[in-house]
Amino acid sequence: MAQAAPDATLRRFSGYGMKRAFNGIQADLSATLQPFGLRMVTFSALVVIHDNPGLRQTRLAGVLAIERPNLVAILEDLERADLIARTRAETDRRAYELSVTAKGRTLCQQAMAAVVDHDRRMTRGLSADESATLQKLLRRIEGNGRTPHDRRKISRA
């Protein structure tokens, strides 16, 4: 008779399964982004800024669910690498608007292509319908984990 896995009890929990899957995803994504000089968090910030020129720092923190003080270090890394520019907002001199530089746009496009390949590796064996269902279920689980306060903070409105 086959012996039960040492973590059989934990494997009954969705969160444990997602964490184990994420460990593999994180390792592969880190290796994928390393040649571009990016980490998961800097890549995520770069993509959101690329897709939303003029986005304010406060809004980016909300979209990525990152505390504003932690975001400052991430933005400094991207700015130091000449991937983004921060400019004072004309309507509110206390706020900064973010945009990608030409170098940032090129690197973002190259990194995105590599991440598309990474995503294909991680979802190998899933049909298109299964991948769509996975995305839908992950969004539902993500929503279940938020408090009403967090929903307002992360809202894309």
C-alpha atoms as a PDB file:
ATOM      1  CA  MET A   1       0.000   0.000   0.000  1.00  0.00           C
ATOM      2  CA  ALA A   2       1.296   3.462  -0.928  1.00  0.00           C
ATOM      3  CA  GLN A   3       2.244   5.719   1.914  1.00  0.00           C
ATOM      4  CA  ALA A   4       0.482   9.069   2.199  1.00  0.00           C
ATOM      5  CA  ALA A   5       2.542  12.147   1.390  1.00  0.00           C
ATOM      6  CA  PRO A   6       3.977  13.777   4.519  1.00  0.00           C
ATOM      7  CA  ASP A   7       1.979  16.913   3.735  1.00  0.00           C
ATOM      8  CA  ALA A   8      -1.254  15.092   2.795  1.00  0.00           C
ATOM      9  CA  THR A   9      -3.269  17.023   5.388  1.00  0.00           C
ATOM     10  CA  LEU A  10      -2.005  20.355   4.073  1.00  0.00           C
ATOM     11  CA  ARG A  11      -2.698  19.378   0.462  1.00  0.00           C
ATOM     12  CA  ARG A  12      -6.420  19.382   1.277  1.00  0.00           C
ATOM     13  CA  PHE A  13      -6.237  23.199   1.534  1.00  0.00           C
ATOM     14  CA  SER A  14      -6.506  25.341  -1.585  1.00  0.00           C
ATOM     15  CA  GLY A  15      -4.131  27.939  -0.181  1.00  0.00           C
ATOM     16  CA  TYR A  16      -1.412  25.356   0.368  1.00  0.00           C
ATOM     17  CA  GLY A  17      -1.781  24.121  -3.207  1.00  0.00           C
ATOM     18  CA  MET A  18      -1.673  27.674  -4.546  1.00  0.00           C
ATOM     19  CA  LYS A  19       1.410  28.446  -2.473  1.00  0.00           C
ATOM     20  CA  ARG A  20       3.219  25.360  -3.762  1.00  0.00           C
ATOM     21  CA  ALA A  21       2.261  26.250  -7.339  1.00  0.00           C
ATOM     22  CA  PHE A  22       3.373  29.828  -6.741  1.00  0.00           C
ATOM     23  CA  ASN A  23       6.767  28.645  -5.490  1.00  0.00           C
ATOM     24  CA  GLY A  24       7.422  27.048  -8.880  1.00  0.00           C
ATOM     25  CA  ILE A  25       5.996  30.035 -10.743  1.00  0.00           C
ATOM     26  CA  GLN A  26       8.077  32.465  -8.693  1.00  0.00           C
ATOM     27  CA  ALA A  27      11.316  30.549  -9.263  1.00  0.00           C
ATOM     28  CA  ASP A  28      10.740  30.329 -13.017  1.00  0.00           C
ATOM     29  CA  LEU A  29       9.625  33.951 -13.312  1.00  0.00           C
ATOM     30  CA  SER A  30      12.627  35.172 -11.327  1.00  0.00           C
ATOM     31  CA  ALA A  31      14.931  33.296 -13.705  1.00  0.00           C
ATOM     32  CA  THR A  32      12.970  34.666 -16.686  1.00  0.00           C
ATOM     33  CA  LEU A  33      13.248  38.286 -15.525  1.00  0.00           C
ATOM     34  CA  GLN A  34      16.848  38.157 -14.289  1.00  0.00           C
ATOM     35  CA  PRO A  35      18.430  38.793 -17.726  1.00  0.00           C
ATOM     36  CA  PHE A  36      16.382  42.004 -17.938  1.00  0.00           C
ATOM     37  CA  GLY A  37      17.527  43.199 -14.525  1.00  0.00           C
ATOM     38  CA  LEU A  38      13.948  42.981 -13.246  1.00  0.00           C
ATOM     39  CA  ARG A  39      12.240  41.293 -10.320  1.00  0.00           C
ATOM     40  CA  MET A  40       8.584  40.317 -10.108  1.00  0.00           C
ATOM     41  CA  VAL A  41       7.646  43.556  -8.382  1.00  0.00           C
ATOM     42  CA  THR A  42       9.665  45.843 -10.658  1.00  0.00           C
ATOM     43  CA  PHE A  43       8.325  44.044 -13.731  1.00  0.00           C
ATOM     44  CA  SER A  44       4.750  44.418 -12.445  1.00  0.00           C
ATOM     45  CA  ALA A  45       5.229  48.124 -11.770  1.00  0.00           C
ATOM     46  CA  LEU A  46       6.860  48.676 -15.172  1.00  0.00           C
ATOM     47  CA  VAL A  47       4.008  46.945 -17.024  1.00  0.00           C
ATOM     48  CA  VAL A  48       1.285  48.893 -15.192  1.00  0.00           C
ATOM     49  CA  ILE A  49       3.109  52.191 -15.820  1.00  0.00           C
ATOM     50  CA  HIS A  50       3.654  51.210 -19.471  1.00  0.00           C
ATOM     51  CA  ASP A  51      -0.053  50.456 -19.879  1.00  0.00           C
ATOM     52  CA  ASN A  52      -1.204  53.586 -17.998  1.00  0.00           C
ATOM     53  CA  PRO A  53       0.962  56.598 -18.917  1.00  0.00           C
ATOM     54  CA  GLY A  54       0.588  59.404 -16.401  1.00  0.00           C
ATOM     55  CA  LEU A  55      -0.526  57.060 -13.637  1.00  0.00           C
ATOM     56  CA  ARG A  56       0.036  58.545 -10.202  1.00  0.00           C
ATOM     57  CA  GLN A  57       2.202  56.816  -7.604  1.00  0.00           C
ATOM     58  CA  THR A  58      -0.689  56.475  -5.164  1.00  0.00           C
ATOM     59  CA  ARG A  59      -2.815  54.746  -7.786  1.00  0.00           C
ATOM     60  CA  LEU A  60       0.022  52.379  -8.711  1.00  0.00           C
ATOM     61  CA  ALA A  61       0.406  51.403  -5.055  1.00  0.00           C
ATOM     62  CA  GLY A  62      -3.293  50.559  -4.941  1.00  0.00           C
ATOM     63  CA  VAL A  63      -3.310  48.595  -8.192  1.00  0.00           C
ATOM     64  CA  LEU A  64      -0.323  46.494  -7.101  1.00  0.00           C
ATOM     65  CA  ALA A  65      -1.506  46.275  -3.461  1.00  0.00           C
ATOM     66  CA  ILE A  66       1.834  47.660  -2.262  1.00  0.00           C
ATOM     67  CA  GLU A  67       2.252  50.034   0.666  1.00  0.00           C
ATOM     68  CA  ARG A  68       3.219  53.487  -0.585  1.00  0.00           C
ATOM     69  CA  PRO A  69       6.538  53.626   1.330  1.00  0.00           C
ATOM     70  CA  ASN A  70       7.568  50.278  -0.231  1.00  0.00           C
ATOM     71  CA  LEU A  71       6.624  51.550  -3.671  1.00  0.00           C
ATOM     72  CA  VAL A  72       9.102  54.420  -3.401  1.00  0.00           C
ATOM     73  CA  ALA A  73      12.079  52.020  -3.365  1.00  0.00           C
ATOM     74  CA  ILE A  74      10.658  50.109  -6.355  1.00  0.00           C
ATOM     75  CA  LEU A  75      10.204  53.311  -8.333  1.00  0.00           C
ATOM     76  CA  GLU A  76      13.699  54.489  -7.411  1.00  0.00           C
ATOM     77  CA  ASP A  77      15.095  51.223  -8.826  1.00  0.00           C
ATOM     78  CA  LEU A  78      13.183  51.719 -12.076  1.00  0.00           C
ATOM     79  CA  GLU A  79      14.111  55.389 -12.308  1.00  0.00           C
ATOM     80  CA  ARG A  80      17.797  54.704 -11.576  1.00  0.00           C
ATOM     81  CA  ALA A  81      17.771  52.188 -14.459  1.00  0.00           C
ATOM     82  CA  ASP A  82      16.249  54.897 -16.702  1.00  0.00           C
ATOM     83  CA  LEU A  83      13.114  52.785 -17.261  1.00  0.00           C
ATOM     84  CA  ILE A  84      10.568  55.273 -15.900  1.00  0.00           C
ATOM     85  CA  ALA A  85      10.267  59.003 -15.304  1.00  0.00           C
ATOM     86  CA  ARG A  86       8.447  60.719 -12.442  1.00  0.00           C
ATOM     87  CA  THR A  87       7.072  64.187 -13.100  1.00  0.00           C
ATOM     88  CA  ARG A  88       5.072  66.477 -10.841  1.00  0.00           C
ATOM     89  CA  ALA A  89       1.388  66.484 -11.690  1.00  0.00           C
ATOM     90  CA  GLU A  90       0.287  69.818 -13.125  1.00  0.00           C
ATOM     91  CA  THR A  91      -3.010  69.733 -11.236  1.00  0.00           C
ATOM     92  CA  ASP A  92      -1.492  68.702  -7.884  1.00  0.00           C
ATOM     93  CA  ARG A  93       2.149  69.618  -7.267  1.00  0.00           C
ATOM     94  CA  ARG A  94       2.282  67.116  -4.350  1.00  0.00           C
ATOM     95  CA  ALA A  95       1.587  64.185  -6.683  1.00  0.00           C
ATOM     96  CA  TYR A  96       3.846  62.473  -9.205  1.00  0.00           C
ATOM     97  CA  GLU A  97       2.802  61.061 -12.553  1.00  0.00           C
ATOM     98  CA  LEU A  98       4.686  58.077 -13.928  1.00  0.00           C
ATOM     99  CA  SER A  99       5.653  57.213 -17.483  1.00  0.00           C
ATOM    100  CA  VAL A 100       8.062  54.815 -19.137  1.00  0.00           C
ATOM    101  CA  THR A 101      11.120  56.076 -20.955  1.00  0.00           C
ATOM    102  CA  ALA A 102      12.053  54.884 -24.434  1.00  0.00           C
ATOM    103  CA  LYS A 103      14.473  52.436 -22.790  1.00  0.00           C
ATOM    104  CA  GLY A 104      11.690  51.316 -20.430  1.00  0.00           C
ATOM    105  CA  ARG A 105       9.267  50.760 -23.290  1.00  0.00           C
ATOM    106  CA  THR A 106      11.764  48.572 -25.159  1.00  0.00           C
ATOM    107  CA  LEU A 107      12.713  46.572 -22.068  1.00  0.00           C
ATOM    108  CA  CYS A 108       9.068  46.167 -21.065  1.00  0.00           C
ATOM    109  CA  GLN A 109       8.184  44.729 -24.482  1.00  0.00           C
ATOM    110  CA  GLN A 110      11.140  42.332 -24.382  1.00  0.00           C
ATOM    111  CA  ALA A 111      10.367  41.221 -20.821  1.00  0.00           C
ATOM    112  CA  MET A 112       6.675  40.797 -21.683  1.00  0.00           C
ATOM    113  CA  ALA A 113       7.569  38.395 -24.500  1.00  0.00           C
ATOM    114  CA  ALA A 114       9.703  36.371 -22.092  1.00  0.00           C
ATOM    115  CA  VAL A 115       6.914  36.353 -19.493  1.00  0.00           C
ATOM    116  CA  VAL A 116       4.422  35.140 -22.110  1.00  0.00           C
ATOM    117  CA  ASP A 117       6.741  32.171 -22.686  1.00  0.00           C
ATOM    118  CA  HIS A 118       7.041  31.682 -18.914  1.00  0.00           C
ATOM    119  CA  ASP A 119       3.245  31.685 -18.567  1.00  0.00           C
ATOM    120  CA  ARG A 120       2.948  29.084 -21.335  1.00  0.00           C
ATOM    121  CA  ARG A 121       5.460  26.865 -19.506  1.00  0.00           C
ATOM    122  CA  MET A 122       3.580  27.189 -16.247  1.00  0.00           C
ATOM    123  CA  THR A 123       0.198  26.373 -17.806  1.00  0.00           C
ATOM    124  CA  ARG A 124       1.449  23.628 -20.122  1.00  0.00           C
ATOM    125  CA  GLY A 125      -1.132  20.863 -20.341  1.00  0.00           C
ATOM    126  CA  LEU A 126      -4.100  23.165 -19.725  1.00  0.00           C
ATOM    127  CA  SER A 127      -6.582  23.718 -22.509  1.00  0.00           C
ATOM    128  CA  ALA A 128      -7.628  27.270 -23.449  1.00  0.00           C
ATOM    129  CA  ASP A 129     -10.899  26.726 -21.566  1.00  0.00           C
ATOM    130  CA  GLU A 130      -9.040  25.450 -18.503  1.00  0.00           C
ATOM    131  CA  SER A 131      -6.708  28.441 -18.568  1.00  0.00           C
ATOM    132  CA  ALA A 132      -9.677  30.811 -18.785  1.00  0.00           C
ATOM    133  CA  THR A 133     -11.388  28.982 -15.919  1.00  0.00           C
ATOM    134  CA  LEU A 134      -8.198  29.133 -13.856  1.00  0.00           C
ATOM    135  CA  GLN A 135      -7.987  32.920 -14.350  1.00  0.00           C
ATOM    136  CA  LYS A 136     -11.650  33.322 -13.404  1.00  0.00           C
ATOM    137  CA  LEU A 137     -11.275  31.193 -10.277  1.00  0.00           C
ATOM    138  CA  LEU A 138      -8.096  32.962  -9.180  1.00  0.00           C
ATOM    139  CA  ARG A 139      -9.840  36.345  -9.474  1.00  0.00           C
ATOM    140  CA  ARG A 140     -12.755  35.014  -7.416  1.00  0.00           C
ATOM    141  CA  ILE A 141     -10.428  33.670  -4.718  1.00  0.00           C
ATOM    142  CA  GLU A 142      -8.482  36.945  -4.729  1.00  0.00           C
ATOM    143  CA  GLY A 143     -11.738  38.844  -4.223  1.00  0.00           C
ATOM    144  CA  ASN A 144     -12.786  36.563  -1.387  1.00  0.00           C
ATOM    145  CA  GLY A 145      -9.584  37.343   0.460  1.00  0.00           C
ATOM    146  CA  ARG A 146     -10.072  41.090   0.563  1.00  0.00           C
ATOM    147  CA  THR A 147     -11.820  43.113   3.176  1.00  0.00           C
ATOM    148  CA  PRO A 148     -14.228  45.832   2.010  1.00  0.00           C
ATOM    149  CA  HIS A 149     -11.521  48.411   2.848  1.00  0.00           C
ATOM    150  CA  ASP A 150      -9.005  46.604   0.628  1.00  0.00           C
ATOM    151  CA  ARG A 151     -11.443  46.514  -2.272  1.00  0.00           C
ATOM    152  CA  ARG A 152     -11.671  50.314  -2.236  1.00  0.00           C
ATOM    153  CA  LYS A 153      -7.911  50.639  -1.946  1.00  0.00           C
ATOM    154  CA  ILE A 154      -7.197  48.330  -4.910  1.00  0.00           C
ATOM    155  CA  SER A 155     -10.130  49.389  -7.075  1.00  0.00           C
ATOM    156  CA  ARG A 156      -9.261  50.155 -10.708  1.00  0.00           C
ATOM    157  CA  ALA A 157     -11.938  52.828 -10.914  1.00  0.00           C
END
